[in-house]
Amino acid sequence: MAYRLSERHTQNKSRFKRMQNPETGVDFNTLASVCIVFGLLSLVTAWFFTFDIDQGQQKVVQPTSAGQTFELGPIVTKKYKEVFKVEVNANIPIQSWSFIEGQLVDAQRQYIVGFGEELWREAGIDSDGRWEEADDNYTMHITIPKPGSYYLQFNVEGNQLPNQLKFQIVKIRGSSIPHLWFGIILIIAGIVLNEIRNRTISQMVSRIQEHE
């Protein structure tokens, strides 16, 4: 069936209005799709920023006394606000804990920023048999404010010294946190807008309840 141009324009306009919220005139379907697409792109960007861009530096030590300081560096930066991933791994004896503290200092050994975490290992026997649990590593992201040479200093405290400690620092592409949170917020907004317009989740829940 053929339509005059004016009739076709009227039909397209009516179809667009049906997609809109009758009260606000907002096209929730399109808005939801845009939010979800850009949210996914933000998550991909966040994932991209987590990649290492150099081999970094690492150091393996065997502590001999509490409070002993270990230094890793120099860490040379050429740009402002470069982001680095710091990894700490400890070989901790059973039934012991250690607090591994780190701090970033400049070439004159002046304090820039500090971090730390308690690591531990436990074991025992219960009704299910022997068990062992451990939290023996942690990862931190630090941002070095301006170009220069820097060092990481570590010391350890605890009821028993680790058998071995491994420190590693690697430069990554950037901070993924802003992109990660922006992506999560956009995806949630897209789901909410889709639910307002189409009731997809509500209908799915209703169908599941009907089959129970």
N, C-alpha and C. Protein backbone atom coordinates (compact mmCIF):
# COMPACT_ATOMS: atom_id res chain seq x y z
N MET A 1 0.85 -1.19 0.00
CA MET A 1 0.00 0.00 0.00
C MET A 1 0.89 1.24 0.00
N ALA A 2 0.61 2.18 -0.85
CA ALA A 2 1.39 3.41 -0.96
C ALA A 2 0.79 4.50 -0.09
N TYR A 3 1.66 5.35 0.45
CA TYR A 3 1.21 6.46 1.27
C TYR A 3 1.76 7.76 0.68
N ARG A 4 0.98 8.80 0.85
CA ARG A 4 1.48 10.12 0.50
C ARG A 4 2.57 10.49 1.49
N LEU A 5 3.45 11.40 1.08
CA LEU A 5 4.57 11.81 1.93
C LEU A 5 4.08 12.36 3.26
N SER A 6 2.99 13.13 3.24
CA SER A 6 2.46 13.70 4.47
C SER A 6 1.93 12.63 5.39
N GLU A 7 1.32 11.56 4.83
CA GLU A 7 0.80 10.48 5.65
C GLU A 7 1.95 9.69 6.29
N ARG A 8 3.02 9.46 5.48
CA ARG A 8 4.15 8.72 6.02
C ARG A 8 4.82 9.50 7.15
N HIS A 9 4.91 10.81 6.99
CA HIS A 9 5.49 11.64 8.04
C HIS A 9 4.65 11.55 9.31
N THR A 10 3.32 11.51 9.16
CA THR A 10 2.43 11.40 10.32
C THR A 10 2.60 10.07 11.02
N GLN A 11 2.76 8.98 10.21
CA GLN A 11 2.95 7.66 10.79
C GLN A 11 4.26 7.57 11.56
N ASN A 12 5.36 8.11 10.99
CA ASN A 12 6.66 8.09 11.67
C ASN A 12 6.61 8.87 12.97
N LYS A 13 5.90 10.01 12.94
CA LYS A 13 5.78 10.83 14.13
C LYS A 13 5.00 10.10 15.22
N SER A 14 3.95 9.36 14.82
CA SER A 14 3.15 8.61 15.78
C SER A 14 3.98 7.47 16.40
N ARG A 15 4.80 6.82 15.54
CA ARG A 15 5.63 5.73 16.04
C ARG A 15 6.65 6.24 17.06
N PHE A 16 7.24 7.41 16.79
CA PHE A 16 8.20 8.00 17.72
C PHE A 16 7.54 8.35 19.04
N LYS A 17 6.31 8.87 18.99
CA LYS A 17 5.60 9.25 20.21
C LYS A 17 5.30 8.03 21.06
N ARG A 18 5.02 6.88 20.42
CA ARG A 18 4.74 5.68 21.20
C ARG A 18 5.96 5.21 21.97
N MET A 19 7.16 5.52 21.47
CA MET A 19 8.38 5.14 22.16
C MET A 19 8.69 6.06 23.32
N GLN A 20 8.08 7.24 23.35
CA GLN A 20 8.35 8.21 24.39
C GLN A 20 7.47 8.00 25.60
N ASN A 21 7.94 8.51 26.74
CA ASN A 21 7.10 8.55 27.92
C ASN A 21 5.99 9.55 27.66
N PRO A 22 4.73 9.20 27.85
CA PRO A 22 3.63 10.09 27.52
C PRO A 22 3.61 11.36 28.35
N GLU A 23 4.24 11.34 29.54
CA GLU A 23 4.21 12.52 30.39
C GLU A 23 5.35 13.47 30.11
N THR A 24 6.55 12.94 29.87
CA THR A 24 7.72 13.81 29.71
C THR A 24 8.18 13.95 28.26
N GLY A 25 7.76 13.05 27.38
CA GLY A 25 8.23 13.09 26.00
C GLY A 25 9.65 12.57 25.83
N VAL A 26 10.23 11.92 26.86
CA VAL A 26 11.59 11.41 26.80
C VAL A 26 11.59 10.00 26.22
N ASP A 27 12.47 9.74 25.27
CA ASP A 27 12.59 8.42 24.67
C ASP A 27 13.49 7.56 25.57
N PHE A 28 12.87 6.84 26.51
CA PHE A 28 13.63 6.07 27.48
C PHE A 28 14.42 4.93 26.84
N ASN A 29 13.89 4.33 25.77
CA ASN A 29 14.60 3.24 25.12
C ASN A 29 15.95 3.71 24.58
N THR A 30 15.94 4.82 23.85
CA THR A 30 17.19 5.34 23.29
C THR A 30 18.14 5.79 24.40
N LEU A 31 17.60 6.47 25.40
CA LEU A 31 18.44 6.95 26.50
C LEU A 31 19.08 5.80 27.26
N ALA A 32 18.31 4.74 27.49
CA ALA A 32 18.84 3.56 28.18
C ALA A 32 19.96 2.91 27.38
N SER A 33 19.74 2.80 26.06
CA SER A 33 20.76 2.20 25.19
C SER A 33 22.05 3.01 25.19
N VAL A 34 21.92 4.34 25.12
CA VAL A 34 23.09 5.21 25.13
C VAL A 34 23.88 5.04 26.44
N CYS A 35 23.16 5.02 27.57
CA CYS A 35 23.82 4.86 28.87
C CYS A 35 24.57 3.54 28.95
N ILE A 36 23.94 2.46 28.50
CA ILE A 36 24.57 1.14 28.59
C ILE A 36 25.78 1.05 27.68
N VAL A 37 25.67 1.57 26.45
CA VAL A 37 26.80 1.52 25.51
C VAL A 37 27.99 2.31 26.04
N PHE A 38 27.74 3.54 26.49
CA PHE A 38 28.85 4.34 27.01
C PHE A 38 29.38 3.77 28.33
N GLY A 39 28.51 3.13 29.12
CA GLY A 39 28.97 2.47 30.33
C GLY A 39 29.93 1.33 30.01
N LEU A 40 29.58 0.53 29.00
CA LEU A 40 30.47 -0.57 28.59
C LEU A 40 31.79 -0.05 28.05
N LEU A 41 31.73 1.04 27.29
CA LEU A 41 32.96 1.65 26.77
C LEU A 41 33.85 2.13 27.92
N SER A 42 33.24 2.68 28.96
CA SER A 42 34.01 3.14 30.12
C SER A 42 34.67 1.96 30.84
N LEU A 43 33.95 0.84 30.94
CA LEU A 43 34.55 -0.35 31.57
C LEU A 43 35.72 -0.88 30.75
N VAL A 44 35.58 -0.86 29.42
CA VAL A 44 36.68 -1.29 28.56
C VAL A 44 37.88 -0.36 28.74
N THR A 45 37.62 0.95 28.83
CA THR A 45 38.70 1.91 29.05
C THR A 45 39.39 1.66 30.39
N ALA A 46 38.59 1.39 31.43
CA ALA A 46 39.17 1.09 32.75
C ALA A 46 40.06 -0.15 32.67
N TRP A 47 39.60 -1.16 31.96
CA TRP A 47 40.39 -2.39 31.78
C TRP A 47 41.69 -2.09 31.04
N PHE A 48 41.62 -1.22 30.02
CA PHE A 48 42.81 -0.85 29.25
C PHE A 48 43.86 -0.19 30.13
N PHE A 49 43.44 0.65 31.08
CA PHE A 49 44.37 1.38 31.92
C PHE A 49 45.09 0.48 32.94
N THR A 50 44.61 -0.75 33.13
CA THR A 50 45.25 -1.65 34.09
C THR A 50 46.48 -2.34 33.53
N PHE A 51 46.75 -2.22 32.23
CA PHE A 51 47.87 -2.93 31.63
C PHE A 51 49.21 -2.29 32.01
N ASP A 52 50.22 -3.16 32.22
CA ASP A 52 51.57 -2.67 32.48
C ASP A 52 52.17 -2.12 31.19
N ILE A 53 53.04 -1.10 31.34
CA ILE A 53 53.70 -0.56 30.16
C ILE A 53 55.23 -0.65 30.28
N ASP A 54 55.72 -1.30 31.31
CA ASP A 54 57.15 -1.61 31.39
C ASP A 54 57.34 -2.83 32.28
N GLN A 55 58.57 -3.33 32.34
CA GLN A 55 58.85 -4.53 33.13
C GLN A 55 58.96 -4.23 34.62
N GLY A 56 59.17 -2.98 34.96
CA GLY A 56 59.23 -2.58 36.36
C GLY A 56 60.47 -3.06 37.07
N GLN A 57 60.40 -3.01 38.39
CA GLN A 57 61.51 -3.44 39.25
C GLN A 57 60.97 -4.35 40.33
N GLN A 58 61.79 -5.26 40.78
CA GLN A 58 61.39 -6.14 41.88
C GLN A 58 62.58 -6.45 42.77
N LYS A 59 62.27 -6.84 44.00
CA LYS A 59 63.31 -7.17 44.98
C LYS A 59 62.80 -8.27 45.88
N VAL A 60 63.62 -9.27 46.13
CA VAL A 60 63.29 -10.38 47.01
C VAL A 60 64.26 -10.36 48.18
N VAL A 61 63.73 -10.36 49.40
CA VAL A 61 64.59 -10.26 50.60
C VAL A 61 64.14 -11.28 51.64
N GLN A 62 65.02 -11.53 52.60
CA GLN A 62 64.73 -12.39 53.73
C GLN A 62 64.94 -11.57 55.01
N PRO A 63 63.88 -11.13 55.66
CA PRO A 63 64.03 -10.29 56.85
C PRO A 63 64.77 -11.03 57.97
N THR A 64 65.60 -10.27 58.67
CA THR A 64 66.35 -10.86 59.78
C THR A 64 66.01 -10.21 61.13
N SER A 65 65.34 -9.04 61.09
CA SER A 65 64.96 -8.38 62.33
C SER A 65 63.76 -7.48 62.09
N ALA A 66 62.94 -7.31 63.14
CA ALA A 66 61.77 -6.44 63.03
C ALA A 66 62.20 -5.00 62.84
N GLY A 67 61.47 -4.26 62.02
CA GLY A 67 61.79 -2.87 61.78
C GLY A 67 62.85 -2.66 60.72
N GLN A 68 63.37 -3.74 60.17
CA GLN A 68 64.38 -3.64 59.13
C GLN A 68 63.78 -2.98 57.89
N THR A 69 64.54 -2.07 57.24
CA THR A 69 64.04 -1.32 56.08
C THR A 69 64.65 -1.86 54.80
N PHE A 70 63.80 -2.05 53.81
CA PHE A 70 64.24 -2.50 52.48
C PHE A 70 63.85 -1.42 51.47
N GLU A 71 64.74 -1.16 50.52
CA GLU A 71 64.51 -0.07 49.57
C GLU A 71 64.51 -0.60 48.14
N LEU A 72 63.60 -0.07 47.36
CA LEU A 72 63.48 -0.44 45.94
C LEU A 72 63.53 0.84 45.11
N GLY A 73 64.40 0.87 44.11
CA GLY A 73 64.50 2.06 43.28
C GLY A 73 65.89 2.20 42.69
N PRO A 74 66.19 3.32 42.02
CA PRO A 74 65.29 4.48 41.86
C PRO A 74 64.18 4.23 40.84
N ILE A 75 63.07 4.90 41.07
CA ILE A 75 61.92 4.88 40.15
C ILE A 75 61.90 6.23 39.47
N VAL A 76 62.20 6.26 38.19
CA VAL A 76 62.35 7.51 37.47
C VAL A 76 61.07 7.80 36.68
N THR A 77 60.50 8.98 36.90
CA THR A 77 59.31 9.40 36.16
C THR A 77 59.63 10.62 35.32
N LYS A 78 59.00 10.69 34.15
CA LYS A 78 59.26 11.80 33.23
C LYS A 78 58.02 12.66 32.99
N LYS A 79 56.90 12.24 33.54
CA LYS A 79 55.65 12.98 33.36
C LYS A 79 55.00 13.23 34.71
N TYR A 80 54.04 14.14 34.71
CA TYR A 80 53.28 14.41 35.93
C TYR A 80 52.22 13.32 36.12
N LYS A 81 52.00 12.97 37.37
CA LYS A 81 50.94 12.06 37.79
C LYS A 81 50.97 10.72 37.05
N GLU A 82 52.15 10.12 37.00
CA GLU A 82 52.24 8.76 36.47
C GLU A 82 51.77 7.78 37.54
N VAL A 83 51.10 6.71 37.08
CA VAL A 83 50.50 5.74 38.00
C VAL A 83 51.31 4.45 38.00
N PHE A 84 51.55 3.92 39.19
CA PHE A 84 52.32 2.69 39.34
C PHE A 84 51.54 1.68 40.19
N LYS A 85 51.75 0.41 39.87
CA LYS A 85 51.16 -0.68 40.65
C LYS A 85 52.25 -1.29 41.53
N VAL A 86 51.99 -1.33 42.83
CA VAL A 86 52.94 -1.90 43.79
C VAL A 86 52.37 -3.22 44.30
N GLU A 87 53.17 -4.29 44.22
CA GLU A 87 52.74 -5.60 44.70
C GLU A 87 53.67 -6.07 45.81
N VAL A 88 53.08 -6.59 46.88
CA VAL A 88 53.83 -7.12 48.02
C VAL A 88 53.40 -8.56 48.24
N ASN A 89 54.35 -9.48 48.25
CA ASN A 89 54.07 -10.90 48.51
C ASN A 89 54.95 -11.37 49.66
N ALA A 90 54.36 -12.11 50.58
CA ALA A 90 55.10 -12.57 51.76
C ALA A 90 54.91 -14.07 51.94
N ASN A 91 56.00 -14.74 52.24
CA ASN A 91 55.97 -16.16 52.64
C ASN A 91 55.91 -16.18 54.17
N ILE A 92 54.70 -16.32 54.70
CA ILE A 92 54.48 -16.16 56.14
C ILE A 92 54.35 -17.53 56.81
N PRO A 93 55.04 -17.74 57.92
CA PRO A 93 54.89 -19.01 58.64
C PRO A 93 53.46 -19.19 59.16
N ILE A 94 53.09 -20.42 59.38
CA ILE A 94 51.75 -20.73 59.90
C ILE A 94 51.58 -20.15 61.31
N GLN A 95 50.36 -19.70 61.58
CA GLN A 95 49.99 -19.11 62.88
C GLN A 95 50.79 -17.83 63.17
N SER A 96 50.97 -17.02 62.15
CA SER A 96 51.68 -15.76 62.36
C SER A 96 51.09 -14.68 61.48
N TRP A 97 51.43 -13.44 61.81
CA TRP A 97 50.98 -12.29 61.03
C TRP A 97 52.12 -11.27 60.95
N SER A 98 52.07 -10.46 59.91
CA SER A 98 53.07 -9.41 59.73
C SER A 98 52.39 -8.19 59.11
N PHE A 99 52.76 -7.02 59.56
CA PHE A 99 52.29 -5.78 58.95
C PHE A 99 53.40 -5.25 58.06
N ILE A 100 53.14 -5.23 56.75
CA ILE A 100 54.14 -4.77 55.78
C ILE A 100 53.79 -3.34 55.40
N GLU A 101 54.62 -2.42 55.85
CA GLU A 101 54.39 -1.00 55.58
C GLU A 101 55.32 -0.51 54.49
N GLY A 102 54.76 0.27 53.57
CA GLY A 102 55.57 0.86 52.51
C GLY A 102 55.36 2.36 52.46
N GLN A 103 56.36 3.05 51.94
CA GLN A 103 56.22 4.48 51.74
C GLN A 103 57.04 4.92 50.53
N LEU A 104 56.49 5.87 49.82
CA LEU A 104 57.17 6.45 48.67
C LEU A 104 57.93 7.69 49.14
N VAL A 105 59.23 7.77 48.80
CA VAL A 105 60.05 8.92 49.18
C VAL A 105 60.73 9.46 47.93
N ASP A 106 61.14 10.73 48.00
CA ASP A 106 61.84 11.32 46.85
C ASP A 106 63.33 11.04 46.93
N ALA A 107 64.10 11.67 46.04
CA ALA A 107 65.53 11.39 45.98
C ALA A 107 66.25 11.79 47.25
N GLN A 108 65.71 12.75 48.00
CA GLN A 108 66.29 13.17 49.28
C GLN A 108 65.72 12.39 50.45
N ARG A 109 64.96 11.33 50.13
CA ARG A 109 64.32 10.45 51.10
C ARG A 109 63.27 11.19 51.94
N GLN A 110 62.62 12.15 51.32
CA GLN A 110 61.53 12.86 51.96
C GLN A 110 60.22 12.12 51.67
N TYR A 111 59.40 11.98 52.70
CA TYR A 111 58.15 11.21 52.62
C TYR A 111 57.18 11.83 51.63
N ILE A 112 56.57 10.99 50.75
CA ILE A 112 55.54 11.44 49.80
C ILE A 112 54.19 10.84 50.16
N VAL A 113 54.11 9.53 50.25
CA VAL A 113 52.86 8.85 50.58
C VAL A 113 53.17 7.49 51.18
N GLY A 114 52.28 7.03 52.06
CA GLY A 114 52.50 5.74 52.70
C GLY A 114 51.31 4.80 52.51
N PHE A 115 51.55 3.53 52.74
CA PHE A 115 50.50 2.51 52.63
C PHE A 115 50.95 1.29 53.40
N GLY A 116 50.07 0.33 53.58
CA GLY A 116 50.44 -0.89 54.30
C GLY A 116 49.24 -1.78 54.52
N GLU A 117 49.52 -3.01 54.89
CA GLU A 117 48.45 -3.97 55.13
C GLU A 117 48.98 -5.12 55.97
N GLU A 118 48.08 -5.69 56.78
CA GLU A 118 48.46 -6.84 57.60
C GLU A 118 48.26 -8.12 56.81
N LEU A 119 49.28 -8.96 56.78
CA LEU A 119 49.23 -10.25 56.10
C LEU A 119 49.35 -11.36 57.14
N TRP A 120 48.72 -12.51 56.88
CA TRP A 120 48.67 -13.57 57.89
C TRP A 120 48.49 -14.95 57.27
N ARG A 121 48.73 -15.95 58.09
CA ARG A 121 48.49 -17.35 57.70
C ARG A 121 48.07 -18.13 58.93
N GLU A 122 46.99 -18.91 58.81
CA GLU A 122 46.48 -19.71 59.91
C GLU A 122 46.16 -21.11 59.43
N ALA A 123 46.21 -22.06 60.35
CA ALA A 123 45.87 -23.45 60.04
C ALA A 123 45.31 -24.11 61.28
N GLY A 124 44.56 -25.17 61.06
CA GLY A 124 43.98 -25.88 62.19
C GLY A 124 43.27 -27.14 61.75
N ILE A 125 42.60 -27.78 62.68
CA ILE A 125 41.84 -29.00 62.41
C ILE A 125 40.47 -28.85 63.03
N ASP A 126 39.42 -29.15 62.25
CA ASP A 126 38.07 -29.12 62.77
C ASP A 126 37.33 -30.38 62.32
N SER A 127 36.00 -30.37 62.42
CA SER A 127 35.21 -31.56 62.08
C SER A 127 35.32 -31.95 60.61
N ASP A 128 35.68 -31.00 59.77
CA ASP A 128 35.84 -31.29 58.34
C ASP A 128 37.26 -31.68 57.98
N GLY A 129 38.16 -31.71 58.96
CA GLY A 129 39.54 -32.07 58.68
C GLY A 129 40.47 -30.87 58.83
N ARG A 130 41.62 -31.00 58.27
CA ARG A 130 42.64 -29.95 58.38
C ARG A 130 42.31 -28.80 57.42
N TRP A 131 42.54 -27.58 57.87
CA TRP A 131 42.30 -26.41 57.03
C TRP A 131 43.45 -25.43 57.16
N GLU A 132 43.61 -24.60 56.14
CA GLU A 132 44.63 -23.55 56.15
C GLU A 132 44.12 -22.37 55.35
N GLU A 133 44.27 -21.18 55.90
CA GLU A 133 43.85 -19.95 55.23
C GLU A 133 44.97 -18.93 55.32
N ALA A 134 45.04 -18.07 54.32
CA ALA A 134 46.11 -17.08 54.31
C ALA A 134 45.70 -15.86 53.49
N ASP A 135 46.20 -14.72 53.90
CA ASP A 135 46.15 -13.49 53.12
C ASP A 135 47.58 -12.99 53.09
N ASP A 136 48.33 -13.39 52.07
CA ASP A 136 49.78 -13.18 52.09
C ASP A 136 50.28 -12.26 50.99
N ASN A 137 49.39 -11.44 50.39
CA ASN A 137 49.84 -10.49 49.38
C ASN A 137 48.85 -9.34 49.28
N TYR A 138 49.30 -8.23 48.78
CA TYR A 138 48.39 -7.12 48.49
C TYR A 138 48.96 -6.28 47.36
N THR A 139 48.06 -5.52 46.71
CA THR A 139 48.41 -4.67 45.58
C THR A 139 47.90 -3.27 45.85
N MET A 140 48.74 -2.28 45.60
CA MET A 140 48.36 -0.88 45.75
C MET A 140 48.67 -0.13 44.46
N HIS A 141 47.87 0.91 44.18
CA HIS A 141 48.17 1.81 43.08
C HIS A 141 48.55 3.17 43.66
N ILE A 142 49.69 3.68 43.24
CA ILE A 142 50.14 4.98 43.73
C ILE A 142 50.38 5.90 42.53
N THR A 143 50.12 7.17 42.74
CA THR A 143 50.34 8.19 41.71
C THR A 143 51.50 9.07 42.14
N ILE A 144 52.53 9.12 41.31
CA ILE A 144 53.69 9.96 41.61
C ILE A 144 53.43 11.35 41.04
N PRO A 145 53.47 12.39 41.87
CA PRO A 145 52.95 13.71 41.48
C PRO A 145 53.69 14.41 40.36
N LYS A 146 55.03 14.28 40.30
CA LYS A 146 55.75 15.05 39.28
C LYS A 146 57.02 14.31 38.87
N PRO A 147 57.64 14.71 37.76
CA PRO A 147 58.85 14.02 37.28
C PRO A 147 59.96 14.06 38.32
N GLY A 148 60.77 13.01 38.32
CA GLY A 148 61.89 12.95 39.25
C GLY A 148 62.28 11.51 39.56
N SER A 149 63.16 11.35 40.53
CA SER A 149 63.59 10.02 40.99
C SER A 149 63.00 9.75 42.37
N TYR A 150 62.46 8.56 42.53
CA TYR A 150 61.78 8.20 43.77
C TYR A 150 62.21 6.80 44.21
N TYR A 151 61.92 6.49 45.47
CA TYR A 151 62.25 5.19 46.03
C TYR A 151 61.06 4.67 46.83
N LEU A 152 60.95 3.35 46.90
CA LEU A 152 59.98 2.71 47.79
C LEU A 152 60.76 2.11 48.96
N GLN A 153 60.31 2.41 50.17
CA GLN A 153 60.92 1.85 51.36
C GLN A 153 59.89 0.99 52.09
N PHE A 154 60.30 -0.20 52.52
CA PHE A 154 59.41 -1.13 53.20
C PHE A 154 60.02 -1.54 54.54
N ASN A 155 59.15 -1.74 55.53
CA ASN A 155 59.58 -2.38 56.77
C ASN A 155 58.48 -3.30 57.27
N VAL A 156 58.84 -4.24 58.12
CA VAL A 156 57.91 -5.28 58.55
C VAL A 156 57.89 -5.38 60.07
N GLU A 157 56.70 -5.55 60.60
CA GLU A 157 56.48 -5.80 62.03
C GLU A 157 55.51 -6.96 62.16
N GLY A 158 55.57 -7.69 63.28
CA GLY A 158 54.64 -8.78 63.48
C GLY A 158 55.07 -9.70 64.59
N ASN A 159 54.27 -10.74 64.84
CA ASN A 159 54.62 -11.69 65.90
C ASN A 159 55.67 -12.69 65.44
N GLN A 160 55.90 -12.74 64.12
CA GLN A 160 56.94 -13.60 63.57
C GLN A 160 57.31 -13.07 62.18
N LEU A 161 58.58 -13.00 61.87
CA LEU A 161 59.02 -12.45 60.59
C LEU A 161 58.70 -13.40 59.44
N PRO A 162 58.33 -12.85 58.28
CA PRO A 162 58.13 -13.70 57.10
C PRO A 162 59.43 -14.40 56.71
N ASN A 163 59.29 -15.57 56.09
CA ASN A 163 60.48 -16.27 55.59
C ASN A 163 61.09 -15.53 54.41
N GLN A 164 60.20 -14.89 53.63
CA GLN A 164 60.67 -14.17 52.44
C GLN A 164 59.67 -13.10 52.06
N LEU A 165 60.17 -11.99 51.53
CA LEU A 165 59.32 -10.92 51.04
C LEU A 165 59.71 -10.59 49.61
N LYS A 166 58.69 -10.33 48.80
CA LYS A 166 58.94 -9.92 47.41
C LYS A 166 58.20 -8.62 47.16
N PHE A 167 58.91 -7.60 46.67
CA PHE A 167 58.33 -6.31 46.33
C PHE A 167 58.49 -6.08 44.83
N GLN A 168 57.46 -5.53 44.24
CA GLN A 168 57.51 -5.23 42.80
C GLN A 168 56.75 -3.95 42.51
N ILE A 169 57.28 -3.14 41.60
CA ILE A 169 56.59 -1.93 41.16
C ILE A 169 56.63 -1.88 39.64
N VAL A 170 55.47 -1.61 39.04
CA VAL A 170 55.33 -1.59 37.58
C VAL A 170 54.50 -0.37 37.20
N LYS A 171 54.94 0.34 36.17
CA LYS A 171 54.16 1.49 35.68
C LYS A 171 53.00 0.99 34.85
N ILE A 172 51.81 1.52 35.08
CA ILE A 172 50.64 1.16 34.29
C ILE A 172 50.15 2.37 33.50
N ARG A 173 49.17 2.17 32.64
CA ARG A 173 48.76 3.22 31.71
C ARG A 173 48.08 4.39 32.40
N GLY A 174 47.45 4.17 33.51
CA GLY A 174 46.78 5.26 34.22
C GLY A 174 45.84 4.71 35.27
N SER A 175 45.10 5.60 35.89
CA SER A 175 44.15 5.20 36.92
C SER A 175 42.85 4.74 36.28
N SER A 176 42.43 3.53 36.61
CA SER A 176 41.19 2.98 36.04
C SER A 176 39.96 3.30 36.87
N ILE A 177 40.14 3.81 38.09
CA ILE A 177 39.02 3.97 39.01
C ILE A 177 37.94 4.93 38.48
N PRO A 178 38.30 6.14 37.97
CA PRO A 178 37.24 7.04 37.48
C PRO A 178 36.42 6.42 36.35
N HIS A 179 37.10 5.73 35.42
CA HIS A 179 36.38 5.10 34.31
C HIS A 179 35.52 3.94 34.80
N LEU A 180 36.03 3.20 35.78
CA LEU A 180 35.28 2.07 36.32
C LEU A 180 33.98 2.54 36.96
N TRP A 181 34.06 3.55 37.84
CA TRP A 181 32.86 4.04 38.52
C TRP A 181 31.89 4.70 37.55
N PHE A 182 32.42 5.46 36.58
CA PHE A 182 31.57 6.10 35.59
C PHE A 182 30.81 5.05 34.77
N GLY A 183 31.52 3.97 34.39
CA GLY A 183 30.87 2.90 33.63
C GLY A 183 29.79 2.20 34.43
N ILE A 184 30.06 1.92 35.71
CA ILE A 184 29.07 1.24 36.55
C ILE A 184 27.83 2.11 36.72
N ILE A 185 28.03 3.41 36.95
CA ILE A 185 26.90 4.33 37.14
C ILE A 185 26.05 4.41 35.88
N LEU A 186 26.70 4.49 34.71
CA LEU A 186 25.95 4.58 33.45
C LEU A 186 25.16 3.31 33.18
N ILE A 187 25.76 2.15 33.45
CA ILE A 187 25.06 0.89 33.20
C ILE A 187 23.85 0.76 34.12
N ILE A 188 24.02 1.13 35.40
CA ILE A 188 22.89 1.09 36.33
C ILE A 188 21.78 2.04 35.87
N ALA A 189 22.18 3.25 35.42
CA ALA A 189 21.19 4.21 34.92
C ALA A 189 20.46 3.66 33.71
N GLY A 190 21.19 2.99 32.82
CA GLY A 190 20.56 2.40 31.63
C GLY A 190 19.57 1.31 31.99
N ILE A 191 19.92 0.48 32.97
CA ILE A 191 19.01 -0.60 33.41
C ILE A 191 17.75 -0.01 34.03
N VAL A 192 17.93 1.04 34.85
CA VAL A 192 16.77 1.68 35.49
C VAL A 192 15.85 2.30 34.44
N LEU A 193 16.43 3.00 33.46
CA LEU A 193 15.61 3.63 32.41
C LEU A 193 14.88 2.58 31.58
N ASN A 194 15.56 1.49 31.29
CA ASN A 194 14.90 0.41 30.54
C ASN A 194 13.77 -0.20 31.35
N GLU A 195 13.98 -0.32 32.66
CA GLU A 195 12.94 -0.88 33.52
C GLU A 195 11.73 0.05 33.59
N ILE A 196 11.97 1.37 33.62
CA ILE A 196 10.86 2.33 33.65
C ILE A 196 10.03 2.22 32.38
N ARG A 197 10.69 2.04 31.25
CA ARG A 197 9.98 2.01 29.97
C ARG A 197 9.39 0.65 29.65
N ASN A 198 10.15 -0.44 29.88
CA ASN A 198 9.75 -1.75 29.38
C ASN A 198 9.38 -2.77 30.46
N ARG A 199 9.73 -2.48 31.73
CA ARG A 199 9.44 -3.42 32.82
C ARG A 199 10.02 -4.80 32.57
N THR A 200 11.21 -4.86 31.98
CA THR A 200 11.80 -6.15 31.59
C THR A 200 12.05 -7.03 32.81
N ILE A 201 12.67 -6.48 33.83
CA ILE A 201 13.00 -7.27 35.01
C ILE A 201 11.75 -7.68 35.76
N SER A 202 10.80 -6.75 35.88
CA SER A 202 9.56 -7.06 36.59
C SER A 202 8.81 -8.19 35.90
N GLN A 203 8.75 -8.15 34.57
CA GLN A 203 8.06 -9.21 33.84
C GLN A 203 8.78 -10.54 33.99
N MET A 204 10.12 -10.52 33.97
CA MET A 204 10.88 -11.75 34.12
C MET A 204 10.65 -12.36 35.49
N VAL A 205 10.66 -11.50 36.53
CA VAL A 205 10.41 -11.99 37.90
C VAL A 205 9.00 -12.58 38.00
N SER A 206 8.03 -11.93 37.37
CA SER A 206 6.65 -12.42 37.41
C SER A 206 6.53 -13.78 36.75
N ARG A 207 7.23 -13.96 35.61
CA ARG A 207 7.17 -15.26 34.93
C ARG A 207 7.80 -16.37 35.77
N ILE A 208 8.91 -16.01 36.47
CA ILE A 208 9.56 -17.01 37.33
C ILE A 208 8.65 -17.40 38.47
N GLN A 209 7.98 -16.42 39.06
CA GLN A 209 7.06 -16.70 40.17
C GLN A 209 5.87 -17.53 39.71
N GLU A 210 5.41 -17.32 38.49
CA GLU A 210 4.28 -18.10 37.98
C GLU A 210 4.64 -19.57 37.79
N HIS A 211 5.92 -19.85 37.47
CA HIS A 211 6.34 -21.23 37.24
C HIS A 211 6.77 -21.95 38.52
N GLU A 212 6.82 -21.23 39.62
CA GLU A 212 7.20 -21.89 40.88
C GLU A 212 6.03 -22.63 41.49
